[in-house]
Amino acid sequence: MQDPQDSSSAPVPAQALSDSMPAPAPVLNPVDEIWARKTLADLAFANLKEQQSQRRWKLGMRLAWLLFLSIVVWQAFSFNSPANHTSFPHTAMVTIQGEIGPDTEASAQNIMSSMRTALEDQGSQALVLLINSPGGSPVQAGLINDEITRLRALHNKPIYAVVEESCASAAYYIAAAADQIYVDKASLVGSIGVLMDGFGFTGLMDKLGVERRLMTAGENKGFLDPFSPQTQPQRQHAQAMLNQIHAQFIDVVKKGRGDRLKVTPELFSGLFWSGQQAVDLGLADSLGSVDGVAREVVKAPDVIDYTQRENVAERLVKRFGVAVGEGSVRAMRTAGAGLR
């Protein structure tokens, strides 16, 4: 006899059966199916194009790195001057172009290294310094001046200066050490003086109602600050330094030019003269050019340039180094910000 409470054999309602069965897959009409397949194909094609683009970009970067490293290696093992291993008689030349300073091509390091290479070559009969400079650092000029004197005694070879457009201030400080100075009749020569320049904004700040808050340890620590007033003792101190450097400049010129110099009250006043006037005053010896000096004075008409110049690879390395340094700083700052 069947238990009325036993539900295992009870019939299942039709609605329950329909709810438990999986829903049938939607049926696409032919048009929708075609569009679906096309969309999938487009997505697959786009993904393929993106992968190909990424591969090309990686390949391009690898080739760029390879080219960069090739240039660096080639420049590292190549010689900086075409005059290396020169043995035939010739006139060596080193160019002093532009501002004379520690971070320029006319720095003492570059010029002195070029001069040493030029005079160490057995084929060089003399060295010509081709000068076209308005001046610059008296420290850099003094180093070059001393090195000219040392190298001339060491190698027993004459050193001449040839001026193109200008040879003023620190550039003439260098030229004064040469055995002879040749100029063009229209060259600018001289400017035997020293200056220290700057700006003062204290009056403008007072008009604008701006207060300068500068804290120092030492009452004269900020005496070159353009936003602070300059006292009379500070001005006197700066002037004393300029006078001392000017006196050193004058001594170098007198020592280098000797009896050829026609001393006048204006000679050391900071004025500059034309090339012809410089010859008349004894600041220069004669009119001439590099080729003329090589041909008629040195008697070795072949001129070889020994000037050390910053090559393409060095510029790229410097820029790359700056970029890497900036990236490292940004990364450290980001990491530091995350640790706070």
Protein backbone atom coordinates (compact mmCIF):
# COMPACT_ATOMS: atom_id res chain seq x y z
CA MET A 1 0.00 0.00 0.00
CA GLN A 2 1.42 3.36 -1.01
CA ASP A 3 2.27 5.88 1.68
CA PRO A 4 0.33 9.04 0.99
CA GLN A 5 3.22 11.13 2.40
CA ASP A 6 5.79 9.59 -0.01
CA SER A 7 6.32 12.22 -2.70
CA SER A 8 9.04 10.39 -4.63
CA SER A 9 6.58 8.86 -6.92
CA ALA A 10 4.40 11.95 -7.23
CA PRO A 11 4.16 13.42 -10.72
CA VAL A 12 6.39 16.52 -11.39
CA PRO A 13 4.54 19.57 -12.55
CA ALA A 14 5.19 20.65 -16.17
CA GLN A 15 6.19 24.17 -15.05
CA ALA A 16 8.94 22.75 -12.79
CA LEU A 17 10.30 20.64 -15.62
CA SER A 18 10.44 23.61 -17.95
CA ASP A 19 12.24 25.72 -15.33
CA SER A 20 14.95 23.12 -14.72
CA MET A 21 15.81 22.57 -18.38
CA PRO A 22 18.49 24.79 -20.01
CA ALA A 23 17.25 27.58 -22.23
CA PRO A 24 17.63 26.85 -25.91
CA ALA A 25 20.40 28.80 -27.70
CA PRO A 26 19.16 31.83 -29.59
CA VAL A 27 18.86 31.30 -33.26
CA LEU A 28 20.45 34.04 -35.39
CA ASN A 29 18.99 34.91 -38.67
CA PRO A 30 21.42 34.68 -41.61
CA VAL A 31 22.09 38.43 -41.70
CA ASP A 32 22.95 38.65 -37.99
CA GLU A 33 25.19 35.59 -38.26
CA ILE A 34 27.13 37.16 -41.12
CA TRP A 35 27.63 40.39 -39.12
CA ALA A 36 28.73 38.45 -36.04
CA ARG A 37 31.31 36.52 -38.04
CA LYS A 38 32.53 39.76 -39.64
CA THR A 39 32.88 41.43 -36.24
CA LEU A 40 34.91 38.51 -34.91
CA ALA A 41 37.11 38.62 -38.00
CA ASP A 42 37.67 42.37 -37.60
CA LEU A 43 38.61 41.94 -33.96
CA ALA A 44 41.04 39.15 -34.81
CA PHE A 45 42.58 41.25 -37.61
CA ALA A 46 42.91 44.30 -35.35
CA ASN A 47 44.61 42.18 -32.67
CA LEU A 48 46.99 40.81 -35.27
CA LYS A 49 47.81 44.33 -36.53
CA GLU A 50 48.48 45.49 -32.96
CA GLN A 51 50.85 42.58 -32.35
CA GLN A 52 52.65 43.32 -35.62
CA SER A 53 52.95 47.01 -34.67
CA GLN A 54 54.41 46.12 -31.28
CA ARG A 55 56.93 43.79 -32.90
CA ARG A 56 57.95 46.49 -35.38
CA TRP A 57 58.33 49.03 -32.54
CA LYS A 58 60.52 46.66 -30.53
CA LEU A 59 62.60 45.90 -33.61
CA GLY A 60 62.96 49.61 -34.34
CA MET A 61 64.10 50.32 -30.80
CA ARG A 62 66.64 47.51 -30.96
CA LEU A 63 67.99 48.84 -34.25
CA ALA A 64 68.17 52.37 -32.80
CA TRP A 65 70.11 51.10 -29.80
CA LEU A 66 72.41 49.12 -32.05
CA LEU A 67 73.07 52.21 -34.18
CA PHE A 68 73.66 54.33 -31.08
CA LEU A 69 76.11 51.87 -29.57
CA SER A 70 77.87 51.47 -32.92
CA ILE A 71 78.42 55.23 -33.13
CA VAL A 72 79.72 55.36 -29.56
CA VAL A 73 82.13 52.48 -30.13
CA TRP A 74 83.31 53.88 -33.46
CA GLN A 75 83.91 57.32 -31.96
CA ALA A 76 85.60 55.82 -28.91
CA PHE A 77 88.12 53.94 -31.00
CA SER A 78 88.52 56.60 -33.67
CA PHE A 79 90.96 59.47 -33.32
CA ASN A 80 89.77 62.93 -32.45
CA SER A 81 92.08 64.64 -34.87
CA PRO A 82 93.12 63.77 -38.43
CA ALA A 83 96.66 64.59 -37.47
CA ASN A 84 97.31 61.46 -35.44
CA HIS A 85 100.37 59.54 -36.48
CA THR A 86 101.40 62.41 -38.75
CA SER A 87 105.13 62.29 -39.41
CA PHE A 88 105.75 64.59 -42.37
CA PRO A 89 106.79 68.22 -41.71
CA HIS A 90 103.76 70.44 -41.16
CA THR A 91 102.37 73.36 -39.18
CA ALA A 92 100.15 72.32 -36.30
CA MET A 93 97.06 74.39 -35.55
CA VAL A 94 94.75 74.61 -32.54
CA THR A 95 91.63 76.77 -32.72
CA ILE A 96 90.39 78.89 -29.81
CA GLN A 97 86.83 79.75 -30.83
CA GLY A 98 84.11 81.49 -28.85
CA GLU A 99 83.87 82.05 -25.13
CA ILE A 100 86.72 80.75 -22.99
CA GLY A 101 85.22 78.87 -20.05
CA PRO A 102 85.26 75.54 -18.22
CA ASP A 103 82.14 74.20 -19.99
CA THR A 104 82.92 75.38 -23.52
CA GLU A 105 84.91 74.00 -26.43
CA ALA A 106 87.52 76.65 -25.65
CA SER A 107 88.07 75.33 -22.13
CA ALA A 108 91.55 75.04 -20.69
CA GLN A 109 91.27 71.27 -20.63
CA ASN A 110 90.44 71.01 -24.34
CA ILE A 111 92.96 73.61 -25.50
CA MET A 112 95.85 72.31 -23.39
CA SER A 113 95.22 68.71 -24.46
CA SER A 114 95.12 69.80 -28.11
CA MET A 115 98.38 71.74 -27.76
CA ARG A 116 100.14 68.81 -26.14
CA THR A 117 99.05 66.45 -28.91
CA ALA A 118 100.16 68.92 -31.57
CA LEU A 119 103.61 69.53 -30.15
CA GLU A 120 104.28 65.87 -29.31
CA ASP A 121 103.96 65.00 -33.00
CA GLN A 122 107.48 64.77 -34.41
CA GLY A 123 106.34 66.20 -37.73
CA SER A 124 104.99 69.46 -36.32
CA GLN A 125 107.45 72.26 -36.87
CA ALA A 126 105.50 74.89 -34.92
CA LEU A 127 102.10 75.48 -33.34
CA VAL A 128 99.67 78.16 -34.48
CA LEU A 129 96.84 79.20 -32.15
CA LEU A 130 94.01 80.42 -34.36
CA ILE A 131 92.06 82.79 -32.11
CA ASN A 132 88.56 84.14 -32.60
CA SER A 133 87.23 84.88 -29.13
CA PRO A 134 85.77 87.82 -27.19
CA GLY A 135 87.27 86.51 -23.95
CA GLY A 136 85.93 84.68 -20.94
CA SER A 137 87.32 83.24 -17.72
CA PRO A 138 90.64 84.69 -16.49
CA VAL A 139 91.29 81.42 -14.64
CA GLN A 140 90.96 79.32 -17.81
CA ALA A 141 93.06 81.82 -19.76
CA GLY A 142 95.75 81.78 -17.07
CA LEU A 143 95.98 77.99 -17.19
CA ILE A 144 96.41 78.03 -20.97
CA ASN A 145 98.97 80.84 -20.76
CA ASP A 146 101.09 78.88 -18.28
CA GLU A 147 100.83 75.73 -20.41
CA ILE A 148 102.04 77.57 -23.51
CA THR A 149 105.18 78.62 -21.65
CA ARG A 150 105.77 75.10 -20.36
CA LEU A 151 105.22 73.34 -23.70
CA ARG A 152 107.44 75.75 -25.63
CA ALA A 153 110.35 75.05 -23.28
CA LEU A 154 109.63 71.30 -23.25
CA HIS A 155 109.43 70.76 -27.02
CA ASN A 156 111.60 73.68 -28.18
CA LYS A 157 109.08 74.61 -30.88
CA PRO A 158 107.76 78.11 -31.59
CA ILE A 159 104.14 78.95 -30.81
CA TYR A 160 102.37 81.67 -32.76
CA ALA A 161 98.98 83.34 -32.35
CA VAL A 162 96.91 84.29 -35.39
CA VAL A 163 93.83 86.45 -34.81
CA GLU A 164 90.80 86.35 -37.08
CA GLU A 165 87.80 88.44 -35.94
CA SER A 166 88.68 89.21 -32.33
CA CYS A 167 91.20 88.54 -29.62
CA ALA A 168 89.93 90.38 -26.56
CA SER A 169 90.24 90.17 -22.80
CA ALA A 170 90.93 86.55 -21.75
CA ALA A 171 91.72 85.61 -25.37
CA TYR A 172 94.50 88.21 -25.44
CA TYR A 173 95.65 86.91 -22.04
CA ILE A 174 96.36 83.64 -23.92
CA ALA A 175 97.87 85.26 -27.01
CA ALA A 176 100.34 87.26 -24.91
CA ALA A 177 102.25 84.04 -24.19
CA ALA A 178 102.88 83.34 -27.90
CA ASP A 179 106.22 84.04 -29.57
CA GLN A 180 104.54 86.32 -32.08
CA ILE A 181 101.01 87.58 -32.70
CA TYR A 182 99.60 88.05 -36.22
CA VAL A 183 96.35 89.87 -36.91
CA ASP A 184 94.16 91.04 -39.74
CA LYS A 185 94.10 94.79 -40.19
CA ALA A 186 90.41 94.84 -39.16
CA SER A 187 90.68 92.44 -36.22
CA LEU A 188 89.62 93.61 -32.77
CA VAL A 189 92.46 93.27 -30.27
CA GLY A 190 92.98 94.23 -26.63
CA SER A 191 90.36 94.93 -23.96
CA ILE A 192 92.96 94.46 -21.23
CA GLY A 193 90.66 94.81 -18.27
CA VAL A 194 88.45 92.92 -15.82
CA LEU A 195 84.76 93.29 -15.07
CA MET A 196 82.14 91.95 -12.70
CA ASP A 197 78.55 92.61 -13.70
CA GLY A 198 75.10 92.04 -12.29
CA PHE A 199 71.77 93.71 -11.52
CA GLY A 200 70.20 95.29 -8.47
CA PHE A 201 66.44 95.18 -7.94
CA THR A 202 66.12 96.77 -4.49
CA GLY A 203 64.47 99.97 -5.76
CA LEU A 204 61.99 98.07 -7.89
CA MET A 205 61.13 95.78 -4.98
CA ASP A 206 60.44 98.80 -2.77
CA LYS A 207 58.05 100.21 -5.38
CA LEU A 208 56.26 96.89 -5.69
CA GLY A 209 56.09 96.41 -1.95
CA VAL A 210 58.10 93.17 -2.06
CA GLU A 211 60.10 92.22 1.02
CA ARG A 212 63.30 90.25 0.53
CA ARG A 213 63.83 87.63 3.24
CA LEU A 214 67.42 86.42 3.08
CA MET A 215 69.07 84.65 6.00
CA THR A 216 72.85 84.25 6.10
CA ALA A 217 75.56 83.24 8.55
CA GLY A 218 78.18 85.92 8.00
CA GLU A 219 77.27 89.54 7.38
CA ASN A 220 78.79 89.61 3.88
CA LYS A 221 77.63 86.18 2.69
CA GLY A 222 74.93 87.61 0.44
CA PHE A 223 76.68 90.72 -0.83
CA LEU A 224 76.31 89.62 -4.49
CA ASP A 225 72.61 88.94 -4.07
CA PRO A 226 70.80 91.18 -6.63
CA PHE A 227 67.80 91.61 -4.31
CA SER A 228 69.85 92.97 -1.41
CA PRO A 229 71.46 96.42 -1.15
CA GLN A 230 75.24 96.61 -1.56
CA THR A 231 77.19 98.39 1.17
CA GLN A 232 80.22 100.56 0.55
CA PRO A 233 82.66 98.11 2.25
CA GLN A 234 81.33 95.34 0.03
CA ARG A 235 81.81 97.46 -3.09
CA GLN A 236 85.36 98.28 -2.01
CA HIS A 237 86.12 94.60 -1.44
CA ALA A 238 84.89 93.64 -4.92
CA GLN A 239 86.83 96.49 -6.51
CA ALA A 240 90.02 95.40 -4.72
CA MET A 241 89.65 91.90 -6.18
CA LEU A 242 89.12 93.29 -9.69
CA ASN A 243 92.15 95.55 -9.35
CA GLN A 244 94.30 92.61 -8.29
CA ILE A 245 93.21 90.45 -11.23
CA HIS A 246 93.73 93.42 -13.56
CA ALA A 247 97.27 93.86 -12.25
CA GLN A 248 97.95 90.16 -12.89
CA PHE A 249 96.64 90.60 -16.46
CA ILE A 250 98.92 93.60 -17.04
CA ASP A 251 101.96 91.71 -15.73
CA VAL A 252 101.25 88.80 -18.09
CA VAL A 253 100.99 91.14 -21.08
CA LYS A 254 104.18 93.02 -20.18
CA LYS A 255 106.05 89.75 -19.65
CA GLY A 256 104.84 88.28 -22.93
CA ARG A 257 105.30 91.35 -25.14
CA GLY A 258 108.39 92.82 -23.49
CA ASP A 259 110.06 95.73 -25.26
CA ARG A 260 107.67 95.48 -28.21
CA LEU A 261 104.90 97.03 -26.11
CA LYS A 262 104.38 100.77 -26.42
CA VAL A 263 102.81 101.59 -23.07
CA THR A 264 100.27 104.44 -23.10
CA PRO A 265 97.77 105.57 -20.45
CA GLU A 266 94.92 103.94 -22.39
CA LEU A 267 96.69 100.66 -23.17
CA PHE A 268 95.47 98.83 -20.06
CA SER A 269 92.19 100.74 -19.65
CA GLY A 270 90.02 98.06 -21.23
CA LEU A 271 89.87 99.67 -24.68
CA PHE A 272 90.33 97.55 -27.78
CA TRP A 273 91.89 98.45 -31.10
CA SER A 274 91.88 97.41 -34.73
CA GLY A 275 94.52 95.00 -35.93
CA GLN A 276 96.57 97.76 -37.51
CA GLN A 277 96.43 99.84 -34.32
CA ALA A 278 97.42 96.76 -32.31
CA VAL A 279 100.55 96.38 -34.45
CA ASP A 280 101.39 100.08 -33.92
CA LEU A 281 100.97 99.71 -30.14
CA GLY A 282 103.03 96.52 -29.96
CA LEU A 283 100.06 94.38 -28.97
CA ALA A 284 100.66 92.42 -32.20
CA ASP A 285 103.71 91.89 -34.37
CA SER A 286 102.44 91.93 -37.93
CA LEU A 287 99.53 91.36 -40.28
CA GLY A 288 99.12 87.74 -41.31
CA SER A 289 96.97 84.66 -41.65
CA VAL A 290 97.36 80.98 -40.76
CA ASP A 291 98.40 80.00 -44.29
CA GLY A 292 100.78 82.93 -44.54
CA VAL A 293 102.46 82.12 -41.22
CA ALA A 294 102.72 78.43 -42.13
CA ARG A 295 104.19 79.20 -45.53
CA GLU A 296 106.46 82.17 -44.81
CA VAL A 297 107.35 81.94 -41.11
CA VAL A 298 107.25 78.24 -40.22
CA LYS A 299 108.27 77.16 -43.75
CA ALA A 300 105.87 74.21 -43.51
CA PRO A 301 102.84 75.09 -45.67
CA ASP A 302 100.81 71.99 -44.80
CA VAL A 303 98.49 72.91 -41.91
CA ILE A 304 97.07 70.17 -39.69
CA ASP A 305 94.26 70.94 -37.25
CA TYR A 306 94.70 69.30 -33.83
CA THR A 307 91.73 70.97 -32.16
CA GLN A 308 89.77 68.58 -29.97
CA ARG A 309 86.06 69.00 -30.56
CA GLU A 310 83.08 67.32 -29.00
CA ASN A 311 81.95 64.64 -31.44
CA VAL A 312 78.45 63.39 -32.22
CA ALA A 313 78.76 60.38 -29.93
CA GLU A 314 79.82 62.50 -26.96
CA ARG A 315 76.85 64.83 -27.46
CA LEU A 316 74.51 61.83 -27.69
CA VAL A 317 76.00 60.25 -24.59
CA LYS A 318 75.62 63.49 -22.63
CA ARG A 319 72.01 63.90 -23.71
CA PHE A 320 71.30 60.25 -22.98
CA GLY A 321 72.94 60.58 -19.59
CA VAL A 322 70.86 63.64 -18.76
CA ALA A 323 67.69 61.83 -19.82
CA VAL A 324 68.57 58.78 -17.73
CA GLY A 325 69.43 60.99 -14.78
CA GLU A 326 66.13 62.84 -14.99
CA GLY A 327 64.27 59.53 -15.27
CA SER A 328 66.07 58.19 -12.21
CA VAL A 329 65.23 61.30 -10.20
CA ARG A 330 61.58 61.05 -11.18
CA ALA A 331 61.56 57.35 -10.25
CA MET A 332 63.10 58.06 -6.85
CA ARG A 333 60.63 60.84 -6.21
CA THR A 334 57.76 58.58 -7.14
CA ALA A 335 59.07 55.82 -4.89
CA GLY A 336 59.58 58.30 -2.07
CA ALA A 337 56.04 59.60 -2.47
CA GLY A 338 54.74 56.04 -2.15
CA LEU A 339 56.63 55.46 1.10
CA ARG A 340 55.18 58.47 2.88
